């Protein structure tokens, strides 16, 4: 699994193997869709970077617009 955090959603998709099941969640409280993939930044990812991807293992990314600040990860 590559490090996706900080990349645009478009580039994150391109970094993953073809056919990877990707779930995109908007971190805003507005319930937006991520229609403009180049305008969304990945703030969190699961599984984490360097985790092997097996078969149909799903990948979840949480995104915000580039002009919005990603929240700090929980400690």
PDB file of N, CA and C in Angstrom:
ATOM      1  N   UNK A   1       0.854  -1.179   0.000  1.00  0.00           N
ATOM      2  CA  UNK A   1       0.000   0.000   0.000  1.00  0.00           C
ATOM      3  C   UNK A   1       0.893   1.232   0.000  1.00  0.00           C
ATOM      4  N   UNK A   2       0.743   2.092  -1.014  1.00  0.00           N
ATOM      5  CA  UNK A   2       1.538   3.321  -1.039  1.00  0.00           C
ATOM      6  C   UNK A   2       1.022   4.352  -0.037  1.00  0.00           C
ATOM      7  N   UNK A   3       1.856   5.328   0.287  1.00  0.00           N
ATOM      8  CA  UNK A   3       1.425   6.445   1.127  1.00  0.00           C
ATOM      9  C   UNK A   3       0.568   7.348   0.257  1.00  0.00           C
ATOM     10  N   UNK A   4      -0.681   7.536   0.649  1.00  0.00           N
ATOM     11  CA  UNK A   4      -1.619   8.357  -0.112  1.00  0.00           C
ATOM     12  C   UNK A   4      -1.861   9.710   0.540  1.00  0.00           C
ATOM     13  N   UNK A   5      -1.576   9.821   1.819  1.00  0.00           N
ATOM     14  CA  UNK A   5      -1.851  11.054   2.557  1.00  0.00           C
ATOM     15  C   UNK A   5      -1.096  12.223   1.925  1.00  0.00           C
ATOM     16  N   UNK A   6      -1.843  13.308   1.672  1.00  0.00           N
ATOM     17  CA  UNK A   6      -1.280  14.507   1.068  1.00  0.00           C
ATOM     18  C   UNK A   6      -1.455  14.560  -0.440  1.00  0.00           C
ATOM     19  N   UNK A   7      -1.745  13.424  -1.068  1.00  0.00           N
ATOM     20  CA  UNK A   7      -1.954  13.390  -2.517  1.00  0.00           C
ATOM     21  C   UNK A   7      -3.369  13.811  -2.860  1.00  0.00           C
ATOM     22  N   UNK A   8      -3.545  14.221  -4.103  1.00  0.00           N
ATOM     23  CA  UNK A   8      -4.912  14.464  -4.562  1.00  0.00           C
ATOM     24  C   UNK A   8      -5.608  13.114  -4.678  1.00  0.00           C
ATOM     25  N   UNK A   9      -6.919  13.118  -4.598  1.00  0.00           N
ATOM     26  CA  UNK A   9      -7.674  11.878  -4.735  1.00  0.00           C
ATOM     27  C   UNK A   9      -7.390  11.242  -6.088  1.00  0.00           C
ATOM     28  N   UNK A  10      -7.274  12.063  -7.110  1.00  0.00           N
ATOM     29  CA  UNK A  10      -6.967  11.554  -8.456  1.00  0.00           C
ATOM     30  C   UNK A  10      -5.643  10.794  -8.461  1.00  0.00           C
ATOM     31  N   UNK A  11      -4.600  11.384  -7.889  1.00  0.00           N
ATOM     32  CA  UNK A  11      -3.288  10.731  -7.858  1.00  0.00           C
ATOM     33  C   UNK A  11      -3.284   9.519  -6.927  1.00  0.00           C
ATOM     34  N   UNK A  12      -4.070   9.567  -5.868  1.00  0.00           N
ATOM     35  CA  UNK A  12      -4.174   8.407  -4.982  1.00  0.00           C
ATOM     36  C   UNK A  12      -4.764   7.218  -5.733  1.00  0.00           C
ATOM     37  N   UNK A  13      -5.825   7.456  -6.500  1.00  0.00           N
ATOM     38  CA  UNK A  13      -6.418   6.372  -7.307  1.00  0.00           C
ATOM     39  C   UNK A  13      -5.402   5.801  -8.295  1.00  0.00           C
ATOM     40  N   UNK A  14      -4.643   6.689  -8.931  1.00  0.00           N
ATOM     41  CA  UNK A  14      -3.655   6.251  -9.914  1.00  0.00           C
ATOM     42  C   UNK A  14      -2.528   5.442  -9.276  1.00  0.00           C
ATOM     43  N   UNK A  15      -2.240   5.671  -7.995  1.00  0.00           N
ATOM     44  CA  UNK A  15      -1.157   4.972  -7.304  1.00  0.00           C
ATOM     45  C   UNK A  15      -1.543   3.553  -6.883  1.00  0.00           C
ATOM     46  N   UNK A  16      -2.844   3.267  -6.885  1.00  0.00           N
ATOM     47  CA  UNK A  16      -3.316   1.952  -6.453  1.00  0.00           C
ATOM     48  C   UNK A  16      -3.455   1.008  -7.644  1.00  0.00           C
ATOM     49  N   UNK A  17      -3.334  -0.297  -7.392  1.00  0.00           N
ATOM     50  CA  UNK A  17      -3.502  -1.256  -8.485  1.00  0.00           C
ATOM     51  C   UNK A  17      -4.886  -1.137  -9.116  1.00  0.00           C
ATOM     52  N   UNK A  18      -4.947  -1.368 -10.399  1.00  0.00           N
ATOM     53  CA  UNK A  18      -6.218  -1.342 -11.127  1.00  0.00           C
ATOM     54  C   UNK A  18      -7.196  -2.310 -10.478  1.00  0.00           C
ATOM     55  N   UNK A  19      -8.432  -1.881 -10.332  1.00  0.00           N
ATOM     56  CA  UNK A  19      -9.461  -2.739  -9.754  1.00  0.00           C
ATOM     57  C   UNK A  19      -9.563  -2.691  -8.245  1.00  0.00           C
ATOM     58  N   UNK A  20      -8.723  -1.889  -7.593  1.00  0.00           N
ATOM     59  CA  UNK A  20      -8.785  -1.768  -6.133  1.00  0.00           C
ATOM     60  C   UNK A  20     -10.114  -1.142  -5.729  1.00  0.00           C
ATOM     61  N   UNK A  21     -10.764  -1.716  -4.731  1.00  0.00           N
ATOM     62  CA  UNK A  21     -12.023  -1.206  -4.208  1.00  0.00           C
ATOM     63  C   UNK A  21     -11.707  -0.030  -3.280  1.00  0.00           C
ATOM     64  N   UNK A  22     -12.069   1.197  -3.701  1.00  0.00           N
ATOM     65  CA  UNK A  22     -11.750   2.407  -2.939  1.00  0.00           C
ATOM     66  C   UNK A  22     -13.032   3.037  -2.412  1.00  0.00           C
ATOM     67  N   UNK A  23     -13.078   3.226  -1.098  1.00  0.00           N
ATOM     68  CA  UNK A  23     -14.194   3.935  -0.474  1.00  0.00           C
ATOM     69  C   UNK A  23     -13.701   5.337  -0.125  1.00  0.00           C
ATOM     70  N   UNK A  24     -14.389   6.349  -0.631  1.00  0.00           N
ATOM     71  CA  UNK A  24     -14.009   7.745  -0.391  1.00  0.00           C
ATOM     72  C   UNK A  24     -15.007   8.355   0.577  1.00  0.00           C
ATOM     73  N   UNK A  25     -14.494   8.933   1.657  1.00  0.00           N
ATOM     74  CA  UNK A  25     -15.331   9.599   2.654  1.00  0.00           C
ATOM     75  C   UNK A  25     -14.903  11.052   2.761  1.00  0.00           C
ATOM     76  N   UNK A  26     -15.873  11.957   2.712  1.00  0.00           N
ATOM     77  CA  UNK A  26     -15.599  13.383   2.874  1.00  0.00           C
ATOM     78  C   UNK A  26     -15.544  13.694   4.365  1.00  0.00           C
ATOM     79  N   UNK A  27     -14.498  14.366   4.817  1.00  0.00           N
ATOM     80  CA  UNK A  27     -14.338  14.687   6.237  1.00  0.00           C
ATOM     81  C   UNK A  27     -15.114  15.918   6.680  1.00  0.00           C
ATOM     82  N   UNK A  28     -15.649  16.671   5.744  1.00  0.00           N
ATOM     83  CA  UNK A  28     -16.420  17.854   6.138  1.00  0.00           C
ATOM     84  C   UNK A  28     -17.744  17.403   6.744  1.00  0.00           C
ATOM     85  N   UNK A  29     -18.375  18.298   7.424  1.00  0.00           N
ATOM     86  CA  UNK A  29     -19.695  17.990   7.996  1.00  0.00           C
ATOM     87  C   UNK A  29     -20.803  18.248   6.978  1.00  0.00           C
ATOM     88  N   UNK A  30     -20.420  18.523   5.722  1.00  0.00           N
ATOM     89  CA  UNK A  30     -21.399  18.891   4.702  1.00  0.00           C
ATOM     90  C   UNK A  30     -21.869  17.708   3.866  1.00  0.00           C
ATOM     91  N   UNK A  31     -21.280  16.538   4.057  1.00  0.00           N
ATOM     92  CA  UNK A  31     -21.712  15.362   3.310  1.00  0.00           C
ATOM     93  C   UNK A  31     -21.513  15.477   1.811  1.00  0.00           C
ATOM     94  N   UNK A  32     -20.449  16.126   1.402  1.00  0.00           N
ATOM     95  CA  UNK A  32     -20.187  16.340  -0.025  1.00  0.00           C
ATOM     96  C   UNK A  32     -19.721  15.056  -0.704  1.00  0.00           C
ATOM     97  N   UNK A  33     -19.870  15.035  -2.017  1.00  0.00           N
ATOM     98  CA  UNK A  33     -19.250  13.979  -2.805  1.00  0.00           C
ATOM     99  C   UNK A  33     -17.912  14.517  -3.311  1.00  0.00           C
ATOM    100  N   UNK A  34     -17.037  13.621  -3.699  1.00  0.00           N
ATOM    101  CA  UNK A  34     -15.713  14.033  -4.167  1.00  0.00           C
ATOM    102  C   UNK A  34     -15.676  14.010  -5.693  1.00  0.00           C
ATOM    103  N   UNK A  35     -16.579  14.747  -6.314  1.00  0.00           N
ATOM    104  CA  UNK A  35     -16.676  14.761  -7.771  1.00  0.00           C
ATOM    105  C   UNK A  35     -15.413  15.332  -8.418  1.00  0.00           C
ATOM    106  N   UNK A  36     -14.814  16.343  -7.819  1.00  0.00           N
ATOM    107  CA  UNK A  36     -13.591  16.947  -8.349  1.00  0.00           C
ATOM    108  C   UNK A  36     -12.398  16.283  -7.672  1.00  0.00           C
ATOM    109  N   UNK A  37     -11.957  15.159  -8.226  1.00  0.00           N
ATOM    110  CA  UNK A  37     -10.904  14.374  -7.577  1.00  0.00           C
ATOM    111  C   UNK A  37      -9.575  15.102  -7.491  1.00  0.00           C
ATOM    112  N   UNK A  38      -9.275  15.976  -8.446  1.00  0.00           N
ATOM    113  CA  UNK A  38      -8.003  16.692  -8.388  1.00  0.00           C
ATOM    114  C   UNK A  38      -8.049  17.820  -7.352  1.00  0.00           C
ATOM    115  N   UNK A  39      -9.248  18.197  -6.908  1.00  0.00           N
ATOM    116  CA  UNK A  39      -9.402  19.250  -5.917  1.00  0.00           C
ATOM    117  C   UNK A  39      -9.565  18.739  -4.497  1.00  0.00           C
ATOM    118  N   UNK A  40      -9.424  17.419  -4.308  1.00  0.00           N
ATOM    119  CA  UNK A  40      -9.548  16.816  -2.979  1.00  0.00           C
ATOM    120  C   UNK A  40      -8.211  16.222  -2.561  1.00  0.00           C
ATOM    121  N   UNK A  41      -7.874  16.419  -1.288  1.00  0.00           N
ATOM    122  CA  UNK A  41      -6.620  15.905  -0.726  1.00  0.00           C
ATOM    123  C   UNK A  41      -6.937  14.773   0.244  1.00  0.00           C
ATOM    124  N   UNK A  42      -6.131  13.725   0.211  1.00  0.00           N
ATOM    125  CA  UNK A  42      -6.279  12.603   1.138  1.00  0.00           C
ATOM    126  C   UNK A  42      -5.697  13.015   2.485  1.00  0.00           C
ATOM    127  N   UNK A  43      -6.526  12.951   3.528  1.00  0.00           N
ATOM    128  CA  UNK A  43      -6.090  13.280   4.886  1.00  0.00           C
ATOM    129  C   UNK A  43      -5.772  12.026   5.701  1.00  0.00           C
ATOM    130  N   UNK A  44      -6.522  10.961   5.469  1.00  0.00           N
ATOM    131  CA  UNK A  44      -6.330   9.700   6.185  1.00  0.00           C
ATOM    132  C   UNK A  44      -6.503   8.550   5.205  1.00  0.00           C
ATOM    133  N   UNK A  45      -5.857   7.436   5.496  1.00  0.00           N
ATOM    134  CA  UNK A  45      -6.003   6.257   4.658  1.00  0.00           C
ATOM    135  C   UNK A  45      -6.023   5.009   5.533  1.00  0.00           C
ATOM    136  N   UNK A  46      -6.716   4.004   5.052  1.00  0.00           N
ATOM    137  CA  UNK A  46      -6.740   2.698   5.700  1.00  0.00           C
ATOM    138  C   UNK A  46      -6.867   1.648   4.605  1.00  0.00           C
ATOM    139  N   UNK A  47      -5.997   0.660   4.563  1.00  0.00           N
ATOM    140  CA  UNK A  47      -4.887   0.405   5.486  1.00  0.00           C
ATOM    141  C   UNK A  47      -3.771   1.439   5.325  1.00  0.00           C
ATOM    142  N   UNK A  48      -2.882   1.443   6.296  1.00  0.00           N
ATOM    143  CA  UNK A  48      -1.785   2.398   6.299  1.00  0.00           C
ATOM    144  C   UNK A  48      -0.741   2.098   5.239  1.00  0.00           C
ATOM    145  N   UNK A  49       0.130   3.075   5.024  1.00  0.00           N
ATOM    146  CA  UNK A  49       1.227   2.928   4.059  1.00  0.00           C
ATOM    147  C   UNK A  49       2.087   1.724   4.444  1.00  0.00           C
ATOM    148  N   UNK A  50       2.590   1.047   3.446  1.00  0.00           N
ATOM    149  CA  UNK A  50       3.466  -0.129   3.572  1.00  0.00           C
ATOM    150  C   UNK A  50       2.729  -1.403   3.959  1.00  0.00           C
ATOM    151  N   UNK A  51       1.414  -1.345   4.159  1.00  0.00           N
ATOM    152  CA  UNK A  51       0.638  -2.553   4.439  1.00  0.00           C
ATOM    153  C   UNK A  51       0.410  -3.289   3.118  1.00  0.00           C
ATOM    154  N   UNK A  52       0.682  -4.587   3.082  1.00  0.00           N
ATOM    155  CA  UNK A  52       0.423  -5.320   1.834  1.00  0.00           C
ATOM    156  C   UNK A  52      -1.070  -5.330   1.492  1.00  0.00           C
ATOM    157  N   UNK A  53      -1.385  -5.158   0.222  1.00  0.00           N
ATOM    158  CA  UNK A  53      -2.763  -5.249  -0.261  1.00  0.00           C
ATOM    159  C   UNK A  53      -2.977  -6.641  -0.829  1.00  0.00           C
ATOM    160  N   UNK A  54      -4.020  -7.309  -0.378  1.00  0.00           N
ATOM    161  CA  UNK A  54      -4.314  -8.661  -0.831  1.00  0.00           C
ATOM    162  C   UNK A  54      -5.666  -8.709  -1.527  1.00  0.00           C
ATOM    163  N   UNK A  55      -5.704  -9.321  -2.685  1.00  0.00           N
ATOM    164  CA  UNK A  55      -6.956  -9.576  -3.388  1.00  0.00           C
ATOM    165  C   UNK A  55      -7.872  -8.376  -3.460  1.00  0.00           C
ATOM    166  N   UNK A  56      -9.081  -8.560  -2.944  1.00  0.00           N
ATOM    167  CA  UNK A  56     -10.090  -7.502  -3.015  1.00  0.00           C
ATOM    168  C   UNK A  56     -10.149  -6.673  -1.734  1.00  0.00           C
ATOM    169  N   UNK A  57      -9.036  -6.586  -1.025  1.00  0.00           N
ATOM    170  CA  UNK A  57      -8.981  -5.798   0.214  1.00  0.00           C
ATOM    171  C   UNK A  57      -9.398  -4.357  -0.089  1.00  0.00           C
ATOM    172  N   UNK A  58     -10.416  -3.830   0.615  1.00  0.00           N
ATOM    173  CA  UNK A  58     -10.848  -2.453   0.351  1.00  0.00           C
ATOM    174  C   UNK A  58      -9.871  -1.420   0.919  1.00  0.00           C
ATOM    175  N   UNK A  59      -9.830  -0.274   0.274  1.00  0.00           N
ATOM    176  CA  UNK A  59      -9.014   0.855   0.724  1.00  0.00           C
ATOM    177  C   UNK A  59      -9.973   2.000   1.022  1.00  0.00           C
ATOM    178  N   UNK A  60      -9.829   2.608   2.190  1.00  0.00           N
ATOM    179  CA  UNK A  60     -10.653   3.758   2.567  1.00  0.00           C
ATOM    180  C   UNK A  60      -9.767   4.990   2.628  1.00  0.00           C
ATOM    181  N   UNK A  61     -10.202   6.059   1.972  1.00  0.00           N
ATOM    182  CA  UNK A  61      -9.512   7.347   2.071  1.00  0.00           C
ATOM    183  C   UNK A  61     -10.515   8.391   2.533  1.00  0.00           C
ATOM    184  N   UNK A  62     -10.045   9.276   3.396  1.00  0.00           N
ATOM    185  CA  UNK A  62     -10.876  10.367   3.893  1.00  0.00           C
ATOM    186  C   UNK A  62     -10.278  11.656   3.356  1.00  0.00           C
ATOM    187  N   UNK A  63     -11.113  12.466   2.724  1.00  0.00           N
ATOM    188  CA  UNK A  63     -10.625  13.615   1.961  1.00  0.00           C
ATOM    189  C   UNK A  63     -11.289  14.927   2.365  1.00  0.00           C
ATOM    190  N   UNK A  64     -10.600  16.013   2.044  1.00  0.00           N
ATOM    191  CA  UNK A  64     -11.125  17.374   2.151  1.00  0.00           C
ATOM    192  C   UNK A  64     -10.656  18.142   0.927  1.00  0.00           C
ATOM    193  N   UNK A  65     -11.246  19.308   0.696  1.00  0.00           N
ATOM    194  CA  UNK A  65     -10.751  20.191  -0.359  1.00  0.00           C
ATOM    195  C   UNK A  65      -9.332  20.632   0.021  1.00  0.00           C
ATOM    196  N   UNK A  66      -8.518  20.918  -0.989  1.00  0.00           N
ATOM    197  CA  UNK A  66      -7.132  21.320  -0.724  1.00  0.00           C
ATOM    198  C   UNK A  66      -7.045  22.563   0.153  1.00  0.00           C
ATOM    199  N   UNK A  67      -8.009  23.485   0.022  1.00  0.00           N
ATOM    200  CA  UNK A  67      -7.931  24.721   0.813  1.00  0.00           C
ATOM    201  C   UNK A  67      -8.376  24.525   2.264  1.00  0.00           C
ATOM    202  N   UNK A  68      -8.871  23.339   2.597  1.00  0.00           N
ATOM    203  CA  UNK A  68      -9.281  23.031   3.977  1.00  0.00           C
ATOM    204  C   UNK A  68      -8.157  22.287   4.692  1.00  0.00           C
ATOM    205  N   UNK A  69      -8.079  22.470   5.999  1.00  0.00           N
ATOM    206  CA  UNK A  69      -7.025  21.833   6.794  1.00  0.00           C
ATOM    207  C   UNK A  69      -7.456  20.459   7.267  1.00  0.00           C
ATOM    208  N   UNK A  70      -6.575  19.495   7.064  1.00  0.00           N
ATOM    209  CA  UNK A  70      -6.848  18.141   7.560  1.00  0.00           C
ATOM    210  C   UNK A  70      -6.766  18.162   9.082  1.00  0.00           C
ATOM    211  N   UNK A  71      -7.672  17.453   9.764  1.00  0.00           N
ATOM    212  CA  UNK A  71      -7.576  17.374  11.227  1.00  0.00           C
ATOM    213  C   UNK A  71      -6.374  16.540  11.631  1.00  0.00           C
ATOM    214  N   UNK A  72      -5.926  16.737  12.844  1.00  0.00           N
ATOM    215  CA  UNK A  72      -4.834  15.935  13.378  1.00  0.00           C
ATOM    216  C   UNK A  72      -5.320  14.511  13.605  1.00  0.00           C
ATOM    217  N   UNK A  73      -4.470  13.512  13.323  1.00  0.00           N
ATOM    218  CA  UNK A  73      -4.883  12.144  13.588  1.00  0.00           C
ATOM    219  C   UNK A  73      -5.045  11.921  15.086  1.00  0.00           C
ATOM    220  N   UNK A  74      -5.953  11.012  15.459  1.00  0.00           N
ATOM    221  CA  UNK A  74      -6.127  10.725  16.884  1.00  0.00           C
ATOM    222  C   UNK A  74      -4.846  10.143  17.466  1.00  0.00           C
ATOM    223  N   UNK A  75      -4.558  10.470  18.726  1.00  0.00           N
ATOM    224  CA  UNK A  75      -3.326   9.946  19.337  1.00  0.00           C
ATOM    225  C   UNK A  75      -3.597   8.740  20.188  1.00  0.00           C
TER     226      UNK A  75
END
